Amino acid sequence: MDELQKEMDKHQKEIDELKAKNIELEERLKKYTNGDNHKRYYEKNKDKIKEQGTIYLKKLKEENPEKLKEYRRTYYLKKKEKMKQQEDNN
């Protein structure tokens, strides 16, 4: 019985350590995902990003038009679904 208690304590300690590490990593991740730096970067470089997007689409159009059709199809389906949800809400 004593060995079982030691085993449980060991596992509980490990669980607590992993939870603490998880919280720490989530805090560090927030710095990269939820920061205002992303917004400021895109606001400052809006034209550059749009230009890169158009270049990517032109390249995709030449190299893989099927992928472009797939992207447009999924966009259409998502847009249709959103419109249907808005219609249902009203």
Protein backbone atom coordinates (compact mmCIF):
# COMPACT_ATOMS: atom_id res chain seq x y z
CA MET A 1 0.00 0.00 0.00
CA ASP A 2 2.87 2.34 0.79
CA GLU A 3 4.38 1.71 -2.66
CA LEU A 4 1.07 2.54 -4.30
CA GLN A 5 0.90 5.86 -2.43
CA LYS A 6 4.47 6.69 -3.48
CA GLU A 7 3.60 5.88 -7.08
CA MET A 8 0.51 8.12 -6.92
CA ASP A 9 2.52 10.96 -5.39
CA LYS A 10 5.14 10.59 -8.09
CA HIS A 11 2.51 10.76 -10.84
CA GLN A 12 0.74 13.69 -9.18
CA LYS A 13 4.03 15.58 -8.96
CA GLU A 14 4.69 14.88 -12.64
CA ILE A 15 1.18 16.08 -13.56
CA ASP A 16 1.69 19.30 -11.60
CA GLU A 17 5.04 19.92 -13.29
CA LEU A 18 3.53 19.35 -16.74
CA LYS A 19 0.62 21.68 -15.98
CA ALA A 20 3.04 24.39 -14.87
CA LYS A 21 5.14 23.91 -18.00
CA ASN A 22 2.01 24.02 -20.16
CA ILE A 23 0.93 27.32 -18.60
CA GLU A 24 4.39 28.77 -19.10
CA LEU A 25 4.45 27.74 -22.77
CA GLU A 26 0.98 29.15 -23.37
CA GLU A 27 2.12 32.49 -21.94
CA ARG A 28 5.16 32.50 -24.21
CA LEU A 29 2.99 31.59 -27.20
CA LYS A 30 0.64 34.50 -26.57
CA LYS A 31 3.53 36.85 -27.23
CA TYR A 32 3.75 35.57 -30.79
CA THR A 33 0.10 34.97 -31.62
CA ASN A 34 -1.96 37.66 -29.90
CA GLY A 35 0.42 40.58 -29.94
CA ASP A 36 -0.26 43.95 -31.49
CA ASN A 37 2.97 43.60 -33.42
CA HIS A 38 1.18 41.57 -36.09
CA LYS A 39 -1.45 44.28 -36.59
CA ARG A 40 1.13 47.05 -36.72
CA TYR A 41 3.28 45.08 -39.16
CA TYR A 42 0.39 44.49 -41.56
CA GLU A 43 -0.76 48.10 -41.29
CA LYS A 44 2.72 49.39 -42.12
CA ASN A 45 3.37 46.89 -44.93
CA LYS A 46 -0.11 46.60 -46.40
CA ASP A 47 0.99 47.39 -49.97
CA LYS A 48 3.94 45.01 -49.84
CA ILE A 49 1.75 42.16 -48.57
CA LYS A 50 -0.89 42.76 -51.25
CA GLU A 51 1.82 42.74 -53.90
CA GLN A 52 3.21 39.45 -52.57
CA GLY A 53 -0.30 37.99 -52.66
CA THR A 54 -0.84 38.96 -56.29
CA ILE A 55 2.56 37.54 -57.23
CA TYR A 56 1.67 34.29 -55.46
CA LEU A 57 -1.67 34.06 -57.31
CA LYS A 58 -0.01 34.67 -60.68
CA LYS A 59 2.58 32.01 -59.92
CA LEU A 60 -0.14 29.61 -58.79
CA LYS A 61 -2.17 30.33 -61.92
CA GLU A 62 0.76 29.32 -64.10
CA GLU A 63 2.04 26.35 -62.10
CA ASN A 64 -1.05 24.76 -60.57
CA PRO A 65 -4.42 26.04 -61.83
CA GLU A 66 -6.22 23.10 -60.19
CA LYS A 67 -5.15 24.30 -56.75
CA LEU A 68 -6.46 27.76 -57.57
CA LYS A 69 -9.81 26.26 -58.55
CA GLU A 70 -9.87 24.35 -55.27
CA TYR A 71 -9.17 27.55 -53.29
CA ARG A 72 -11.92 29.42 -55.09
CA ARG A 73 -14.36 26.56 -54.61
CA THR A 74 -13.75 26.39 -50.84
CA TYR A 75 -14.08 30.19 -50.63
CA TYR A 76 -17.40 29.99 -52.45
CA LEU A 77 -18.70 27.23 -50.19
CA LYS A 78 -17.68 29.05 -47.00
CA LYS A 79 -19.23 32.28 -48.25
CA LYS A 80 -22.43 30.45 -49.11
CA GLU A 81 -22.52 28.86 -45.65
CA LYS A 82 -22.03 32.24 -43.94
CA MET A 83 -24.82 33.77 -45.99
CA LYS A 84 -27.10 30.88 -45.02
CA GLN A 85 -26.26 31.33 -41.31
CA GLN A 86 -26.97 35.07 -41.52
CA GLU A 87 -30.25 34.34 -43.24
CA ASP A 88 -31.19 31.85 -40.51
CA ASN A 89 -30.33 34.37 -37.78
CA ASN A 90 -32.52 37.03 -39.33
